[in-house]
Amino acid sequence: MTSGKYQYLTQGTCSRLIEIEIEEGRIKNIDFTGGCHGNLQGIAALVKGMRPEDVAGRLRGIRCGSKSTSCPDQLAKALEEIIGNR
């Protein structure tokens, strides 16, 4: 996986955009626009330094209440899209 900065427009969540920076196959930084700021800062801090495929595997399918998705699930989808772009 190459390094780079990516943007993902979320669907079905309070957050509207996820900006992801990957360096040497590891997550360097994640910023969410909108959503529950404290929780999303926590997620971003926890996944920093991890491989995108590991994060996607852990977060995929998490739901928020009665919604069919969540901010963590949207992050998983974003990372899977980036991984697919190798």
Protein backbone atom coordinates (compact mmCIF):
# COMPACT_ATOMS: atom_id res chain seq x y z
CA MET A 1 0.00 0.00 0.00
CA THR A 2 1.31 3.38 -0.90
CA SER A 3 1.32 6.35 1.40
CA GLY A 4 -1.14 9.15 0.90
CA LYS A 5 -4.07 11.22 2.08
CA TYR A 6 -7.60 10.09 1.39
CA GLN A 7 -11.12 11.47 1.90
CA TYR A 8 -14.26 9.42 2.35
CA LEU A 9 -17.80 10.84 2.33
CA THR A 10 -19.78 8.91 4.91
CA GLN A 11 -23.34 7.66 4.49
CA GLY A 12 -25.93 7.21 7.22
CA THR A 13 -23.94 8.70 10.11
CA CYS A 14 -23.63 12.01 11.95
CA SER A 15 -20.08 12.39 10.71
CA ARG A 16 -19.98 13.64 7.13
CA LEU A 17 -16.38 13.12 6.11
CA ILE A 18 -13.37 11.05 7.15
CA GLU A 19 -9.88 12.18 6.21
CA ILE A 20 -7.27 9.45 6.45
CA GLU A 21 -3.50 9.69 6.16
CA ILE A 22 -1.50 6.52 5.60
CA GLU A 23 2.27 6.34 5.70
CA GLU A 24 4.30 3.23 4.92
CA GLY A 25 1.24 0.98 5.24
CA ARG A 26 0.20 2.32 8.66
CA ILE A 27 -2.47 4.80 9.70
CA LYS A 28 -0.77 8.08 10.52
CA ASN A 29 -3.81 10.25 11.17
CA ILE A 30 -7.61 10.22 10.98
CA ASP A 31 -9.92 13.23 11.20
CA PHE A 32 -13.71 13.04 11.28
CA THR A 33 -15.92 15.98 10.30
CA GLY A 34 -19.10 15.96 12.36
CA GLY A 35 -20.21 13.20 14.67
CA CYS A 36 -19.48 12.65 18.37
CA HIS A 37 -16.19 14.49 18.66
CA GLY A 38 -14.82 12.84 21.80
CA ASN A 39 -15.63 9.30 20.70
CA LEU A 40 -14.23 9.84 17.22
CA GLN A 41 -11.03 11.38 18.60
CA GLY A 42 -10.71 8.26 20.75
CA ILE A 43 -11.14 5.93 17.78
CA ALA A 44 -8.58 7.93 15.78
CA ALA A 45 -6.06 7.75 18.63
CA LEU A 46 -6.57 4.02 19.14
CA VAL A 47 -6.03 3.07 15.50
CA LYS A 48 -3.00 5.32 14.93
CA GLY A 49 -0.04 3.20 13.85
CA MET A 50 -2.20 0.19 12.93
CA ARG A 51 -2.46 -1.45 9.53
CA PRO A 52 -5.65 -0.39 7.70
CA GLU A 53 -6.73 -3.99 7.07
CA ASP A 54 -6.53 -4.78 10.79
CA VAL A 55 -8.65 -1.77 11.70
CA ALA A 56 -11.21 -2.52 8.99
CA GLY A 57 -11.53 -6.10 10.22
CA ARG A 58 -12.24 -4.97 13.77
CA LEU A 59 -14.67 -2.16 12.98
CA ARG A 60 -16.66 -3.61 10.08
CA GLY A 61 -20.34 -4.17 10.91
CA ILE A 62 -20.58 -2.07 14.09
CA ARG A 63 -23.99 -0.41 14.25
CA CYS A 64 -25.14 2.79 15.95
CA GLY A 65 -28.50 2.21 17.60
CA SER A 66 -31.09 1.25 15.00
CA LYS A 67 -28.94 2.51 12.10
CA SER A 68 -27.47 -0.05 9.73
CA THR A 69 -24.02 1.55 10.06
CA SER A 70 -21.91 3.68 12.42
CA CYS A 71 -18.88 5.95 12.30
CA PRO A 72 -16.55 2.99 13.03
CA ASP A 73 -18.26 0.96 10.28
CA GLN A 74 -17.88 3.88 7.86
CA LEU A 75 -14.18 4.07 8.76
CA ALA A 76 -13.88 0.35 7.96
CA LYS A 77 -15.55 0.92 4.59
CA ALA A 78 -13.22 3.84 3.85
CA LEU A 79 -10.16 1.76 4.70
CA GLU A 80 -11.40 -1.16 2.59
CA GLU A 81 -11.85 1.21 -0.32
CA ILE A 82 -8.29 2.49 0.13
CA ILE A 83 -6.91 -1.05 0.43
CA GLY A 84 -8.72 -1.95 -2.79
CA ASN A 85 -6.99 0.97 -4.54
CA ARG A 86 -3.49 -0.49 -4.12
